[in-house]
Structures are given as C-alpha cells and as structure tokens.
Protein backbone atom coordinates (compact mmCIF):
# COMPACT_ATOMS: atom_id res chain seq x y z
CA MET A 1 -6.04 -25.27 24.87
CA THR A 2 -9.36 -26.06 22.57
CA ARG A 3 -9.08 -25.36 18.90
CA HIS A 4 -12.26 -23.16 19.28
CA ALA A 5 -9.87 -20.96 21.77
CA ALA A 6 -7.14 -20.87 20.03
CA LEU A 7 -8.59 -18.97 16.99
CA SER A 8 -10.93 -16.99 19.49
CA ALA A 9 -7.80 -14.48 19.74
CA PRO A 10 -7.44 -13.51 15.99
CA GLU A 11 -10.97 -13.72 15.56
CA ASN A 12 -11.24 -11.18 18.37
CA GLU A 13 -8.07 -8.86 17.17
CA SER A 14 -9.91 -8.62 13.76
CA ALA A 15 -13.03 -7.44 15.57
CA ARG A 16 -11.51 -5.05 17.32
CA ARG A 17 -9.37 -3.50 14.50
CA ALA A 18 -12.03 -2.60 12.10
CA VAL A 19 -9.86 -1.48 9.20
CA LEU A 20 -6.43 -4.06 8.51
CA GLY A 21 -5.06 -1.19 5.72
CA SER A 22 -5.02 2.39 4.48
CA GLN A 23 -4.54 2.79 0.83
CA VAL A 24 -3.93 6.25 -1.26
CA VAL A 25 -3.97 6.45 -4.81
CA LEU A 26 -1.96 9.27 -5.73
CA ASP A 27 -2.06 10.67 -9.34
CA LEU A 28 0.19 13.16 -10.14
CA TYR A 29 -0.67 15.47 -13.29
CA GLU A 30 1.43 18.18 -14.76
CA CYS A 31 5.00 16.51 -13.33
CA GLU A 32 7.76 19.13 -13.81
CA THR A 33 10.73 17.21 -12.81
CA ARG A 34 13.02 16.81 -15.58
CA HIS A 35 13.63 12.87 -14.08
CA LEU A 36 10.46 11.22 -15.48
CA ASP A 37 12.03 8.84 -17.05
CA ASP A 38 15.19 8.11 -14.73
CA ILE A 39 15.04 5.23 -13.27
CA GLU A 40 17.77 5.18 -10.87
CA TRP A 41 15.84 9.22 -9.57
CA VAL A 42 12.49 7.20 -9.85
CA GLU A 43 13.66 4.66 -7.49
CA LYS A 44 15.46 6.86 -5.03
CA THR A 45 12.79 9.27 -5.01
CA LEU A 46 10.42 6.47 -3.76
CA VAL A 47 12.97 4.72 -1.41
CA ASN A 48 13.34 8.39 0.25
CA ALA A 49 9.30 8.83 0.28
CA ALA A 50 9.04 5.44 2.26
CA ARG A 51 12.18 6.77 4.43
CA VAL A 52 10.01 9.82 4.84
CA ALA A 53 6.65 7.83 6.12
CA GLY A 54 8.92 6.11 8.72
CA ALA A 55 8.25 2.46 6.70
CA THR A 56 10.20 -0.49 6.57
CA ILE A 57 12.30 -1.12 3.41
CA VAL A 58 12.09 -4.57 2.70
CA GLU A 59 12.94 -4.57 -1.36
CA THR A 60 12.76 -2.71 -4.54
CA VAL A 61 12.08 -3.81 -7.55
CA PHE A 62 12.08 -1.45 -11.08
CA HIS A 63 11.42 -1.79 -14.35
CA LYS A 64 12.41 0.64 -17.27
CA PHE A 65 10.47 0.11 -20.73
CA ALA A 66 11.66 1.06 -23.88
CA PRO A 67 11.08 3.76 -25.42
CA TRP A 68 10.21 5.04 -22.18
CA GLY A 69 8.33 4.22 -19.16
CA ILE A 70 9.44 3.25 -15.44
CA SER A 71 7.59 1.03 -13.06
CA GLY A 72 8.35 -0.03 -9.75
CA VAL A 73 7.80 -1.09 -6.70
CA VAL A 74 9.49 -0.59 -3.00
CA VAL A 75 8.30 -3.40 -0.89
CA ILE A 76 7.83 -2.59 2.91
CA ALA A 77 7.14 -4.64 6.13
CA GLU A 78 3.79 -3.01 6.48
CA SER A 79 2.92 -3.57 2.48
CA HIS A 80 4.17 -1.29 -0.45
CA LEU A 81 4.47 1.90 -2.37
CA ALA A 82 4.08 1.32 -6.34
CA ILE A 83 4.89 3.39 -9.30
CA HIS A 84 4.12 3.69 -13.01
CA ILE A 85 5.01 6.59 -15.29
CA TRP A 86 4.25 8.11 -18.33
CA PRO A 87 6.96 10.33 -19.33
CA GLU A 88 5.18 11.81 -22.39
CA ASN A 89 2.08 12.58 -20.69
CA ARG A 90 4.30 13.96 -17.53
CA TYR A 91 1.89 11.76 -15.32
CA ALA A 92 2.74 9.41 -12.35
CA ALA A 93 0.50 6.54 -11.34
CA ILE A 94 1.29 6.20 -7.61
CA ASP A 95 -0.25 3.41 -5.09
CA LEU A 96 0.48 3.75 -1.36
CA PHE A 97 -0.66 0.70 0.97
CA THR A 98 0.07 0.43 4.22
CA CYS A 99 -1.37 -2.20 7.04
CA GLY A 100 1.04 -0.24 9.50
CA GLU A 101 -0.78 1.90 12.39
CA ASN A 102 2.69 4.13 12.14
CA VAL A 103 3.37 4.70 8.71
CA GLN A 104 3.05 8.53 7.55
CA ILE A 105 1.03 8.19 4.26
CA ASP A 106 0.25 12.02 4.39
CA ALA A 107 4.10 12.60 4.29
CA ALA A 108 5.30 10.12 2.13
CA CYS A 109 2.52 11.47 -0.50
CA ALA A 110 3.65 15.56 0.31
CA PHE A 111 6.96 14.54 -0.59
CA LEU A 112 6.35 12.83 -3.61
CA THR A 113 4.19 15.72 -4.75
CA ARG A 114 7.30 18.10 -4.33
CA ALA A 115 9.55 16.29 -5.85
CA PHE A 116 7.44 14.95 -9.32
CA ARG A 117 6.97 19.02 -9.18
CA SER A 118 3.04 18.06 -9.94
CA LYS A 119 1.03 20.59 -10.93
CA ARG A 120 -2.06 19.18 -10.24
CA PRO A 121 -2.16 16.05 -7.80
CA VAL A 122 -5.09 13.72 -7.19
CA ARG A 123 -5.18 11.97 -3.91
CA ARG A 124 -7.79 9.24 -3.07
CA ARG A 125 -8.02 7.44 0.10
CA PHE A 126 -9.46 4.04 1.09
CA THR A 127 -9.72 1.78 4.06
CA ARG A 128 -8.99 -2.05 3.24
CA GLY A 129 -10.14 -5.25 4.99
CA ASP A 130 -13.09 -3.18 6.87
CA HIS A 131 -14.38 -6.29 8.43
CA ALA A 132 -17.13 -4.55 9.99
CA GLY A 133 -18.57 -3.15 7.12
CA ALA A 134 -18.54 -6.95 4.66
CA PRO A 135 -21.41 -9.47 5.15
CA SER A 136 -20.65 -12.27 7.94
CA ARG A 137 -20.55 -14.82 5.11
CA ALA A 138 -17.63 -12.66 3.61
CA ARG A 139 -15.92 -12.29 6.63
CA ARG A 140 -15.82 -16.08 7.71
CA ALA A 141 -14.57 -16.79 3.76
CA LEU A 142 -11.73 -14.54 4.85
CA PRO A 143 -8.62 -16.08 6.39
CA SER A 144 -6.43 -14.20 9.09
CA ARG A 145 -2.98 -13.57 7.61
CA ARG A 146 -1.65 -14.68 11.15
CA GLN A 147 -3.19 -17.94 11.02
CA GLY A 148 -3.01 -18.83 7.11
CA CYS A 149 -5.21 -20.03 4.47
CA SER A 150 -5.65 -23.72 5.97
CA LEU A 151 -7.47 -22.75 9.06
CA GLN A 152 -11.09 -22.03 9.67
CA THR A 153 -12.45 -18.82 11.92
CA THR A 154 -14.46 -19.52 14.55
CA GLU A 155 -17.50 -19.02 12.74
CA SER A 156 -17.45 -21.46 10.03
CA ALA A 157 -16.12 -24.25 12.51
CA LYS A 158 -19.50 -23.82 14.63
C-alpha cells in the first residue's frame, strides 16, 4: 500500500462526516436546588446526566473551592461534561461535548435543568470540526485524531 493510499481513507472519512462533534453550552440561572455547593451531589448528578445521555463514562474529577463553588468534569469516551458553579449567584455553567453519534445531549440537558431546578435555563448548540466550512488551508493543517499529529494529509503531501 502506498503512503498516498493509506492516508486517503481518513481524509475521505472526514469529508463524508461534515461535523466531528456537537457541543451544548448550558447556562442554568436561578437554580433552586439546595445542593449547589454539595460536591457529592453535583458529581452524582453529572454522572447521572452522562448515563441518561447514553455516554460511556471514563473518569470523573471534581474540586470544591473555598469558601464555595465547584468545578468538575465527567470524561466520557465520546468527550466530556464539565461544570462550574457559583452557588452565591445560584448559577451553574455546563458544557456538554460529544463526538459520538449516539449520545443524547438534549436528554442530558433536560435532566440537568430539572435536577438543578433552574428557573431560567439558556442553551446554545454548536457544531465542532466542521471541515466543510473551513478554508482548505485550515483543513490541511488539522491532523486526523485517528492518525496522530505526525502524518500529513494527502493534500499537504502533494
């Protein structure tokens, strides 16, 4: 197999898959749960949101700040769920990102909105890695995750 042929498959795969990931930024304002500064509850709630979404949980890391506040991440095989909480403002900033096609981000968002009892949730959705919309020079510069950073794409090898 030639170098050119070996590199064509991942490039063709990226061309067929216009979007590499989906991301939701969820701002939960006016949260009425009394658990905003309870690290065990927050971690359990984010893990349950990942389960509701059908994600594959890999690891969790959470930190409680003094005098208050929590940051944490649930690493999933498909990417992550991250949270930063300001209990004094009754506010939680949540980021859900997935490159998995079967992860139900909307179900996780609905679960989290209910769990935090947010009176004013604001959700924004983004696509990530949209190769079709990127300038061709930028596409050449991006390495394929499957191939690693050391290989060049077919376009740049020409």
